[in-house]
């Protein structure tokens, strides 16, 4: 080969090496960009997953808390109704005993009045005994009715107290929830 050809071949080879080196460098730059892009995409994905997990956990916690509060509220409401029913049942029992006691006392009073009237010797004595009996019966009825009314009012107030307390608690929670929202 002549020297010009050798020089031309060397120049072509040098250009080829430079081109190959340029291609290798370009490939490395492209690979580097791809790698950086993949890493950035991976970090972005991980951040998105992390944020989503956090938000889901917060929502789950809030829902669980709400369910727990509603369960406790429902249980407390049922407890208040049971307590009110128990108070009411005891009150009805007291009223029943009082009515039976009054009926027994009236029966005994009626029997005593009947004996006294049977032993009356004159019509005036009979009328006086009857008048006294009627007056006593009326006074006892008024006294007993007043007593039963007082017991009834007390039972109603006592039985309603647990329910009233629960209503106040529920209204307060609803008011706080509405104010917070």
N, C-alpha and C. Protein backbone atom coordinates (compact mmCIF):
# COMPACT_ATOMS: atom_id res chain seq x y z
N UNK A 1 0.80 -1.16 0.00
CA UNK A 1 0.00 0.00 0.00
C UNK A 1 0.86 1.24 0.00
N UNK A 2 0.37 2.14 -0.69
CA UNK A 2 1.18 3.33 -0.79
C UNK A 2 0.90 4.21 0.44
N UNK A 3 1.81 5.19 0.64
CA UNK A 3 1.71 5.99 1.86
C UNK A 3 0.42 6.79 1.89
N UNK A 4 -0.08 7.22 0.77
CA UNK A 4 -1.34 7.98 0.78
C UNK A 4 -2.49 7.07 1.17
N UNK A 5 -2.45 5.88 0.69
CA UNK A 5 -3.51 4.94 1.01
C UNK A 5 -3.45 4.58 2.48
N UNK A 6 -2.24 4.43 2.96
CA UNK A 6 -2.08 4.10 4.38
C UNK A 6 -2.62 5.24 5.23
N UNK A 7 -2.28 6.45 4.84
CA UNK A 7 -2.74 7.61 5.59
C UNK A 7 -4.24 7.72 5.51
N UNK A 8 -4.81 7.44 4.34
CA UNK A 8 -6.27 7.51 4.17
C UNK A 8 -6.91 6.42 5.00
N UNK A 9 -6.29 5.21 4.98
CA UNK A 9 -6.86 4.10 5.75
C UNK A 9 -6.76 4.42 7.23
N UNK A 10 -5.65 5.03 7.64
CA UNK A 10 -5.48 5.38 9.04
C UNK A 10 -6.49 6.46 9.42
N UNK A 11 -6.72 7.39 8.51
CA UNK A 11 -7.69 8.46 8.78
C UNK A 11 -9.09 7.87 8.87
N UNK A 12 -9.42 6.94 7.99
CA UNK A 12 -10.75 6.29 8.03
C UNK A 12 -10.87 5.51 9.33
N UNK A 13 -9.79 4.82 9.67
CA UNK A 13 -9.85 4.03 10.91
C UNK A 13 -9.99 4.95 12.11
N UNK A 14 -9.27 6.06 12.08
CA UNK A 14 -9.36 7.04 13.17
C UNK A 14 -10.77 7.59 13.23
N UNK A 15 -11.38 7.89 12.13
CA UNK A 15 -12.75 8.42 12.09
C UNK A 15 -13.74 7.36 12.56
N UNK A 16 -13.46 6.13 12.19
CA UNK A 16 -14.34 5.03 12.60
C UNK A 16 -14.27 4.88 14.13
N UNK A 17 -13.03 4.93 14.65
CA UNK A 17 -12.88 4.82 16.11
C UNK A 17 -13.56 5.99 16.80
N UNK A 18 -13.37 7.19 16.25
CA UNK A 18 -14.01 8.36 16.83
C UNK A 18 -15.53 8.21 16.78
N UNK A 19 -16.03 7.72 15.64
CA UNK A 19 -17.50 7.50 15.52
C UNK A 19 -17.99 6.46 16.50
N UNK A 20 -17.17 5.37 16.61
CA UNK A 20 -17.56 4.32 17.56
C UNK A 20 -17.52 4.85 18.98
N UNK A 21 -16.46 5.61 19.29
CA UNK A 21 -16.35 6.21 20.62
C UNK A 21 -17.52 7.16 20.86
N UNK A 22 -17.88 7.91 19.84
CA UNK A 22 -19.03 8.83 19.95
C UNK A 22 -20.32 8.06 20.16
N UNK A 23 -20.45 6.94 19.41
CA UNK A 23 -21.66 6.10 19.58
C UNK A 23 -21.70 5.49 20.98
N UNK A 24 -20.56 5.00 21.44
CA UNK A 24 -20.49 4.42 22.79
C UNK A 24 -20.83 5.50 23.81
N UNK A 25 -20.26 6.68 23.64
CA UNK A 25 -20.54 7.77 24.58
C UNK A 25 -22.01 8.16 24.50
N UNK A 26 -22.56 8.22 23.29
CA UNK A 26 -23.98 8.56 23.13
C UNK A 26 -24.87 7.51 23.76
N UNK A 27 -24.48 6.22 23.56
CA UNK A 27 -25.25 5.13 24.17
C UNK A 27 -25.20 5.22 25.69
N UNK A 28 -24.00 5.53 26.21
CA UNK A 28 -23.85 5.67 27.66
C UNK A 28 -24.71 6.82 28.18
N UNK A 29 -24.74 7.93 27.43
CA UNK A 29 -25.56 9.08 27.83
C UNK A 29 -27.03 8.69 27.80
N UNK A 30 -27.46 8.01 26.73
CA UNK A 30 -28.86 7.57 26.62
C UNK A 30 -29.19 6.60 27.75
N UNK A 31 -28.27 5.63 28.00
CA UNK A 31 -28.49 4.67 29.09
C UNK A 31 -28.59 5.40 30.43
N UNK A 32 -27.72 6.39 30.62
CA UNK A 32 -27.74 7.16 31.85
C UNK A 32 -29.07 7.91 32.00
N UNK A 33 -29.54 8.54 30.89
CA UNK A 33 -30.84 9.23 30.93
C UNK A 33 -31.97 8.26 31.24
N UNK A 34 -31.94 7.08 30.61
CA UNK A 34 -32.98 6.07 30.83
C UNK A 34 -32.96 5.63 32.30
N UNK A 35 -31.73 5.39 32.82
CA UNK A 35 -31.60 4.94 34.20
C UNK A 35 -32.12 6.02 35.17
N UNK A 36 -31.73 7.27 34.95
CA UNK A 36 -32.19 8.38 35.79
C UNK A 36 -33.71 8.50 35.68
N UNK A 37 -34.22 8.38 34.47
CA UNK A 37 -35.67 8.47 34.27
C UNK A 37 -36.41 7.34 34.99
N UNK A 38 -35.85 6.13 34.90
CA UNK A 38 -36.46 4.99 35.59
C UNK A 38 -36.43 5.17 37.10
N UNK A 39 -35.29 5.65 37.61
CA UNK A 39 -35.18 5.89 39.05
C UNK A 39 -36.16 6.96 39.50
N UNK A 40 -36.29 8.02 38.73
CA UNK A 40 -37.23 9.09 39.08
C UNK A 40 -38.67 8.57 39.04
N UNK A 41 -38.96 7.78 38.00
CA UNK A 41 -40.31 7.22 37.89
C UNK A 41 -40.58 6.28 39.06
N UNK A 42 -39.59 5.47 39.44
CA UNK A 42 -39.74 4.55 40.56
C UNK A 42 -39.97 5.32 41.86
N UNK A 43 -39.18 6.39 42.08
CA UNK A 43 -39.36 7.21 43.29
C UNK A 43 -40.74 7.85 43.30
N UNK A 44 -41.17 8.37 42.16
CA UNK A 44 -42.49 8.98 42.06
C UNK A 44 -43.58 7.96 42.36
N UNK A 45 -43.42 6.77 41.82
CA UNK A 45 -44.40 5.69 42.06
C UNK A 45 -44.42 5.34 43.55
N UNK A 46 -43.23 5.19 44.14
CA UNK A 46 -43.15 4.85 45.57
C UNK A 46 -43.77 5.94 46.43
N UNK A 47 -43.54 7.21 46.07
CA UNK A 47 -44.15 8.32 46.82
C UNK A 47 -45.67 8.29 46.67
N UNK A 48 -46.14 8.03 45.47
CA UNK A 48 -47.59 7.97 45.24
C UNK A 48 -48.20 6.83 46.04
N UNK A 49 -47.54 5.67 46.03
CA UNK A 49 -48.04 4.52 46.80
C UNK A 49 -48.03 4.85 48.29
N UNK A 50 -46.95 5.47 48.76
CA UNK A 50 -46.83 5.83 50.17
C UNK A 50 -47.92 6.82 50.59
N UNK A 51 -48.14 7.85 49.76
CA UNK A 51 -49.19 8.83 50.07
C UNK A 51 -50.57 8.18 50.05
N UNK A 52 -50.78 7.31 49.09
CA UNK A 52 -52.07 6.61 49.01
C UNK A 52 -52.28 5.75 50.24
N UNK A 53 -51.22 5.03 50.66
CA UNK A 53 -51.32 4.20 51.87
C UNK A 53 -51.65 5.07 53.08
N UNK A 54 -50.99 6.20 53.21
CA UNK A 54 -51.25 7.10 54.33
C UNK A 54 -52.70 7.58 54.34
N UNK A 55 -53.18 7.99 53.17
CA UNK A 55 -54.55 8.49 53.08
C UNK A 55 -55.56 7.38 53.38
N UNK A 56 -55.30 6.19 52.85
CA UNK A 56 -56.19 5.06 53.12
C UNK A 56 -56.18 4.73 54.61
N UNK A 57 -55.02 4.76 55.22
CA UNK A 57 -54.92 4.46 56.66
C UNK A 57 -55.66 5.52 57.49
N UNK A 58 -55.50 6.78 57.10
CA UNK A 58 -56.22 7.85 57.81
C UNK A 58 -57.73 7.66 57.66
N UNK A 59 -58.16 7.36 56.46
CA UNK A 59 -59.60 7.16 56.23
C UNK A 59 -60.09 5.95 57.00
N UNK A 60 -59.31 4.86 56.99
CA UNK A 60 -59.70 3.65 57.72
C UNK A 60 -59.79 3.94 59.22
N UNK A 61 -58.82 4.67 59.73
CA UNK A 61 -58.83 5.02 61.15
C UNK A 61 -60.05 5.88 61.49
N UNK A 62 -60.35 6.84 60.64
CA UNK A 62 -61.51 7.71 60.89
C UNK A 62 -62.80 6.90 60.83
N UNK A 63 -62.91 6.00 59.87
CA UNK A 63 -64.12 5.18 59.76
C UNK A 63 -64.22 4.25 60.96
N UNK A 64 -63.11 3.63 61.34
CA UNK A 64 -63.11 2.72 62.50
C UNK A 64 -63.50 3.48 63.76
N UNK A 65 -62.97 4.67 63.91
CA UNK A 65 -63.31 5.49 65.08
C UNK A 65 -64.80 5.82 65.07
N UNK A 66 -65.31 6.18 63.89
CA UNK A 66 -66.74 6.49 63.78
C UNK A 66 -67.60 5.28 64.10
N UNK A 67 -67.19 4.11 63.61
CA UNK A 67 -67.95 2.88 63.89
C UNK A 67 -67.89 2.57 65.38
N UNK A 68 -66.72 2.70 65.96
CA UNK A 68 -66.58 2.46 67.40
C UNK A 68 -67.45 3.42 68.21
N UNK A 69 -67.44 4.69 67.83
CA UNK A 69 -68.26 5.68 68.54
C UNK A 69 -69.74 5.36 68.39
N UNK A 70 -70.15 4.99 67.17
CA UNK A 70 -71.56 4.65 66.95
C UNK A 70 -71.95 3.40 67.73
N UNK A 71 -71.05 2.42 67.79
CA UNK A 71 -71.32 1.20 68.56
C UNK A 71 -71.46 1.53 70.04
N UNK A 72 -70.54 2.33 70.55
CA UNK A 72 -70.60 2.72 71.96
C UNK A 72 -71.86 3.54 72.23
N UNK A 73 -72.17 4.43 71.30
CA UNK A 73 -73.36 5.26 71.45
C UNK A 73 -74.61 4.38 71.45
N UNK A 74 -74.67 3.44 70.54
CA UNK A 74 -75.82 2.53 70.47
C UNK A 74 -75.93 1.69 71.73
N UNK A 75 -74.79 1.18 72.21
CA UNK A 75 -74.79 0.37 73.44
C UNK A 75 -75.26 1.20 74.62
N UNK A 76 -74.75 2.41 74.72
CA UNK A 76 -75.16 3.29 75.82
C UNK A 76 -76.65 3.62 75.73
N UNK A 77 -77.15 3.79 74.52
CA UNK A 77 -78.58 4.07 74.36
C UNK A 77 -79.42 2.88 74.80
N UNK A 78 -78.99 1.68 74.42
CA UNK A 78 -79.71 0.47 74.83
C UNK A 78 -79.64 0.34 76.35
N UNK A 79 -78.47 0.59 76.93
CA UNK A 79 -78.32 0.54 78.39
C UNK A 79 -79.28 1.52 79.07
N UNK A 80 -79.42 2.71 78.50
CA UNK A 80 -80.33 3.71 79.08
C UNK A 80 -81.78 3.23 79.00
N UNK A 81 -82.15 2.62 77.89
CA UNK A 81 -83.52 2.10 77.76
C UNK A 81 -83.76 0.97 78.76
N UNK A 82 -82.77 0.09 78.91
CA UNK A 82 -82.90 -1.01 79.88
C UNK A 82 -83.02 -0.44 81.29
N UNK A 83 -82.20 0.55 81.60
CA UNK A 83 -82.25 1.17 82.93
C UNK A 83 -83.62 1.83 83.15
N UNK A 84 -84.11 2.55 82.16
CA UNK A 84 -85.41 3.20 82.27
C UNK A 84 -86.52 2.16 82.43
N UNK A 85 -86.42 1.07 81.70
CA UNK A 85 -87.43 0.01 81.80
C UNK A 85 -87.41 -0.63 83.18
N UNK A 86 -86.22 -0.81 83.72
CA UNK A 86 -86.10 -1.39 85.06
C UNK A 86 -86.72 -0.46 86.10
N UNK A 87 -86.43 0.82 86.00
CA UNK A 87 -87.01 1.80 86.93
C UNK A 87 -88.53 1.80 86.79
N UNK A 88 -89.00 1.78 85.56
CA UNK A 88 -90.44 1.78 85.30
C UNK A 88 -91.09 0.52 85.88
N UNK A 89 -90.47 -0.63 85.66
CA UNK A 89 -91.03 -1.89 86.17
C UNK A 89 -91.11 -1.88 87.70
N UNK A 90 -90.06 -1.37 88.33
CA UNK A 90 -90.07 -1.28 89.80
C UNK A 90 -91.15 -0.31 90.26
N UNK A 91 -91.31 0.79 89.53
CA UNK A 91 -92.35 1.76 89.88
C UNK A 91 -93.74 1.18 89.73
N UNK A 92 -93.96 0.43 88.66
CA UNK A 92 -95.26 -0.22 88.47
C UNK A 92 -95.51 -1.23 89.59
N UNK A 93 -94.45 -1.91 90.01
CA UNK A 93 -94.57 -2.85 91.13
C UNK A 93 -94.98 -2.11 92.41
N UNK A 94 -94.35 -0.98 92.66
CA UNK A 94 -94.69 -0.18 93.86
C UNK A 94 -96.15 0.28 93.77
N UNK A 95 -96.54 0.76 92.59
CA UNK A 95 -97.93 1.21 92.41
C UNK A 95 -98.89 0.03 92.62
N UNK A 96 -98.55 -1.12 92.06
CA UNK A 96 -99.40 -2.31 92.23
C UNK A 96 -99.55 -2.69 93.70
N UNK A 97 -98.43 -2.67 94.43
CA UNK A 97 -98.49 -2.99 95.87
C UNK A 97 -99.34 -1.97 96.61
N UNK A 98 -99.19 -0.71 96.23
CA UNK A 98 -99.97 0.35 96.89
C UNK A 98 -101.47 0.17 96.61
N UNK A 99 -101.81 -0.16 95.38
CA UNK A 99 -103.22 -0.37 95.02
C UNK A 99 -103.77 -1.58 95.80
N UNK A 100 -102.99 -2.65 95.87
CA UNK A 100 -103.44 -3.84 96.61
C UNK A 100 -103.59 -3.52 98.10
N UNK A 101 -102.66 -2.76 98.64
CA UNK A 101 -102.74 -2.37 100.05
C UNK A 101 -103.99 -1.53 100.29
N UNK A 102 -104.24 -0.60 99.38
CA UNK A 102 -105.44 0.25 99.50
C UNK A 102 -106.71 -0.60 99.39
N UNK A 103 -106.73 -1.52 98.45
CA UNK A 103 -107.91 -2.39 98.28
C UNK A 103 -108.14 -3.23 99.53
N UNK A 104 -107.06 -3.75 100.10
CA UNK A 104 -107.20 -4.56 101.32
C UNK A 104 -107.72 -3.69 102.48
N UNK A 105 -107.14 -2.48 102.61
CA UNK A 105 -107.59 -1.57 103.68
C UNK A 105 -109.06 -1.20 103.46
N UNK A 106 -109.45 -0.96 102.20
CA UNK A 106 -110.86 -0.63 101.91
C UNK A 106 -111.76 -1.79 102.26
N UNK A 107 -111.31 -3.00 101.94
CA UNK A 107 -112.12 -4.19 102.24
C UNK A 107 -112.31 -4.32 103.75
N UNK A 108 -111.25 -4.15 104.50
CA UNK A 108 -111.35 -4.24 105.96
C UNK A 108 -112.24 -3.13 106.50
N UNK A 109 -112.06 -1.93 105.98
CA UNK A 109 -112.89 -0.80 106.40
C UNK A 109 -114.36 -1.04 106.06
N UNK A 110 -114.60 -1.56 104.86
CA UNK A 110 -115.98 -1.87 104.46
C UNK A 110 -116.61 -2.92 105.38
N UNK A 111 -115.84 -3.95 105.73
CA UNK A 111 -116.36 -5.01 106.61
C UNK A 111 -116.68 -4.43 107.99
N UNK A 112 -115.77 -3.58 108.50
CA UNK A 112 -116.01 -2.99 109.81
C UNK A 112 -117.24 -2.08 109.76
N UNK A 113 -117.38 -1.31 108.68
CA UNK A 113 -118.55 -0.42 108.54
C UNK A 113 -119.82 -1.25 108.44
N UNK A 114 -119.77 -2.36 107.70
CA UNK A 114 -120.95 -3.22 107.55
C UNK A 114 -121.36 -3.80 108.90
N UNK A 115 -120.38 -4.24 109.69
CA UNK A 115 -120.69 -4.78 111.02
C UNK A 115 -121.34 -3.70 111.89
N UNK A 116 -120.74 -2.51 111.83
CA UNK A 116 -121.27 -1.41 112.64
C UNK A 116 -122.68 -1.06 112.21
N UNK A 117 -122.92 -1.03 110.89
CA UNK A 117 -124.27 -0.70 110.41
C UNK A 117 -125.26 -1.80 110.76
N UNK A 118 -124.82 -3.04 110.76
CA UNK A 118 -125.72 -4.13 111.12
C UNK A 118 -126.10 -4.06 112.61
N UNK A 119 -125.22 -3.48 113.40
CA UNK A 119 -125.50 -3.37 114.83
C UNK A 119 -126.23 -2.09 115.20
N UNK A 120 -126.58 -1.27 114.20
CA UNK A 120 -127.27 0.00 114.48
C UNK A 120 -128.64 -0.30 115.06
N UNK A 121 -129.07 0.49 116.07
CA UNK A 121 -130.35 0.25 116.73
C UNK A 121 -131.43 1.18 116.21
N UNK A 122 -130.97 2.31 115.65
CA UNK A 122 -131.98 3.24 115.15
C UNK A 122 -131.61 3.64 113.72
N UNK A 123 -132.58 4.22 113.06
CA UNK A 123 -132.36 4.70 111.69
C UNK A 123 -131.36 5.85 111.70
N UNK A 124 -131.44 6.72 112.68
CA UNK A 124 -130.51 7.84 112.77
C UNK A 124 -129.09 7.33 112.97
N UNK A 125 -128.92 6.34 113.82
CA UNK A 125 -127.60 5.76 114.04
C UNK A 125 -127.08 5.12 112.74
N UNK A 126 -127.93 4.47 111.99
CA UNK A 126 -127.56 3.87 110.72
C UNK A 126 -127.14 4.94 109.71
N UNK A 127 -127.91 6.02 109.62
CA UNK A 127 -127.60 7.12 108.71
C UNK A 127 -126.28 7.78 109.14
N UNK A 128 -126.07 7.98 110.40
CA UNK A 128 -124.82 8.57 110.89
C UNK A 128 -123.62 7.68 110.56
N UNK A 129 -123.77 6.37 110.78
CA UNK A 129 -122.70 5.43 110.45
C UNK A 129 -122.41 5.43 108.94
N UNK A 130 -123.51 5.46 108.15
CA UNK A 130 -123.35 5.48 106.69
C UNK A 130 -122.65 6.76 106.25
N UNK A 131 -123.03 7.89 106.83
CA UNK A 131 -122.42 9.18 106.49
C UNK A 131 -120.94 9.17 106.86
N UNK A 132 -120.62 8.68 108.05
CA UNK A 132 -119.23 8.61 108.49
C UNK A 132 -118.42 7.68 107.58
N UNK A 133 -119.02 6.55 107.22
CA UNK A 133 -118.36 5.60 106.33
C UNK A 133 -118.06 6.25 104.96
N UNK A 134 -119.06 6.94 104.42
CA UNK A 134 -118.89 7.59 103.11
C UNK A 134 -117.82 8.67 103.18
N UNK A 135 -117.83 9.47 104.25
CA UNK A 135 -116.83 10.53 104.41
C UNK A 135 -115.43 9.93 104.52
N UNK A 136 -115.26 8.90 105.33
CA UNK A 136 -113.96 8.24 105.48
C UNK A 136 -113.50 7.61 104.16
N UNK A 137 -114.43 6.97 103.47
CA UNK A 137 -114.10 6.34 102.19
C UNK A 137 -113.64 7.40 101.19
N UNK A 138 -114.33 8.54 101.14
CA UNK A 138 -113.96 9.60 100.22
C UNK A 138 -112.59 10.18 100.59
N UNK A 139 -112.36 10.45 101.89
CA UNK A 139 -111.07 10.99 102.35
C UNK A 139 -109.92 10.01 102.02
N UNK A 140 -110.15 8.73 102.27
CA UNK A 140 -109.12 7.73 101.97
C UNK A 140 -108.86 7.64 100.47
N UNK A 141 -109.93 7.76 99.66
CA UNK A 141 -109.77 7.71 98.22
C UNK A 141 -108.95 8.91 97.73
N UNK A 142 -109.26 10.11 98.26
CA UNK A 142 -108.50 11.30 97.86
C UNK A 142 -107.04 11.15 98.28
N UNK A 143 -106.81 10.71 99.50
CA UNK A 143 -105.44 10.51 99.99
C UNK A 143 -104.70 9.50 99.14
N UNK A 144 -105.35 8.38 98.86
CA UNK A 144 -104.72 7.32 98.08
C UNK A 144 -104.48 7.75 96.63
N UNK A 145 -105.42 8.46 96.04
CA UNK A 145 -105.26 8.94 94.67
C UNK A 145 -104.09 9.93 94.59
N UNK A 146 -104.00 10.82 95.57
CA UNK A 146 -102.88 11.77 95.61
C UNK A 146 -101.55 11.02 95.74
N UNK A 147 -101.53 10.04 96.63
CA UNK A 147 -100.32 9.25 96.84
C UNK A 147 -99.93 8.51 95.55
N UNK A 148 -100.89 7.89 94.87
CA UNK A 148 -100.62 7.18 93.62
C UNK A 148 -100.15 8.15 92.53
N UNK A 149 -100.73 9.33 92.48
CA UNK A 149 -100.30 10.34 91.51
C UNK A 149 -98.86 10.75 91.76
N UNK A 150 -98.50 10.97 93.01
CA UNK A 150 -97.13 11.34 93.34
C UNK A 150 -96.16 10.23 92.98
N UNK A 151 -96.54 8.99 93.28
CA UNK A 151 -95.68 7.85 92.92
C UNK A 151 -95.55 7.77 91.40
N UNK A 152 -96.66 7.94 90.69
CA UNK A 152 -96.64 7.88 89.23
C UNK A 152 -95.74 8.95 88.62
N UNK A 153 -95.82 10.16 89.13
CA UNK A 153 -94.98 11.25 88.63
C UNK A 153 -93.51 10.95 88.92
N UNK A 154 -93.22 10.48 90.12
CA UNK A 154 -91.83 10.15 90.48
C UNK A 154 -91.30 9.02 89.59
N UNK A 155 -92.11 7.99 89.38
CA UNK A 155 -91.68 6.88 88.53
C UNK A 155 -91.42 7.38 87.10
N UNK A 156 -92.33 8.20 86.58
CA UNK A 156 -92.15 8.72 85.21
C UNK A 156 -90.88 9.56 85.11
N UNK A 157 -90.65 10.43 86.08
CA UNK A 157 -89.43 11.26 86.07
C UNK A 157 -88.17 10.42 86.20
N UNK A 158 -88.20 9.46 87.13
CA UNK A 158 -87.02 8.61 87.34
C UNK A 158 -86.76 7.72 86.12
N UNK A 159 -87.83 7.20 85.52
CA UNK A 159 -87.67 6.33 84.34
C UNK A 159 -87.19 7.13 83.13
N UNK A 160 -87.60 8.35 83.02
CA UNK A 160 -87.22 9.16 81.86
C UNK A 160 -85.81 9.74 82.01
N UNK A 161 -85.30 9.82 83.22
CA UNK A 161 -83.98 10.43 83.47
C UNK A 161 -82.86 9.79 82.64
N UNK A 162 -82.70 8.45 82.61
CA UNK A 162 -81.61 7.87 81.81
C UNK A 162 -81.76 8.17 80.31
N UNK A 163 -82.98 8.14 79.82
CA UNK A 163 -83.22 8.42 78.40
C UNK A 163 -82.93 9.89 78.11
N UNK A 164 -83.36 10.76 78.99
CA UNK A 164 -83.09 12.19 78.83
C UNK A 164 -81.59 12.46 78.82
N UNK A 165 -80.86 11.78 79.70
CA UNK A 165 -79.40 11.95 79.75
C UNK A 165 -78.77 11.50 78.43
N UNK A 166 -79.23 10.39 77.87
CA UNK A 166 -78.70 9.90 76.59
C UNK A 166 -79.03 10.87 75.45
N UNK A 167 -80.24 11.41 75.47
CA UNK A 167 -80.62 12.38 74.44
C UNK A 167 -79.69 13.58 74.50
N UNK A 168 -79.39 14.05 75.70
CA UNK A 168 -78.47 15.18 75.86
C UNK A 168 -77.08 14.85 75.32
N UNK A 169 -76.58 13.64 75.60
CA UNK A 169 -75.27 13.22 75.12
C UNK A 169 -75.26 13.17 73.59
N UNK A 170 -76.29 12.57 73.01
CA UNK A 170 -76.36 12.44 71.55
C UNK A 170 -76.44 13.81 70.90
N UNK A 171 -77.27 14.69 71.44
CA UNK A 171 -77.39 16.04 70.88
C UNK A 171 -76.05 16.76 70.97
N UNK A 172 -75.36 16.60 72.08
CA UNK A 172 -74.05 17.24 72.25
C UNK A 172 -73.05 16.71 71.23
N UNK A 173 -73.03 15.39 71.01
CA UNK A 173 -72.10 14.81 70.02
C UNK A 173 -72.44 15.29 68.62
N UNK A 174 -73.71 15.33 68.29
CA UNK A 174 -74.12 15.78 66.96
C UNK A 174 -73.73 17.24 66.77
N UNK A 175 -73.93 18.04 67.80
CA UNK A 175 -73.59 19.47 67.73
C UNK A 175 -72.08 19.63 67.54
N UNK A 176 -71.28 18.86 68.28
CA UNK A 176 -69.82 18.94 68.16
C UNK A 176 -69.39 18.48 66.77
N UNK A 177 -69.99 17.41 66.27
CA UNK A 177 -69.64 16.89 64.94
C UNK A 177 -69.98 17.91 63.86
N UNK A 178 -71.14 18.53 64.00
CA UNK A 178 -71.56 19.53 63.01
C UNK A 178 -70.65 20.75 63.05
N UNK A 179 -70.22 21.14 64.26
CA UNK A 179 -69.34 22.29 64.39
C UNK A 179 -67.95 21.98 63.83
N UNK A 180 -67.52 20.73 63.98
CA UNK A 180 -66.19 20.33 63.48
C UNK A 180 -66.16 20.22 61.96
N UNK A 181 -67.32 19.92 61.38
CA UNK A 181 -67.36 19.72 59.92
C UNK A 181 -67.41 21.02 59.20
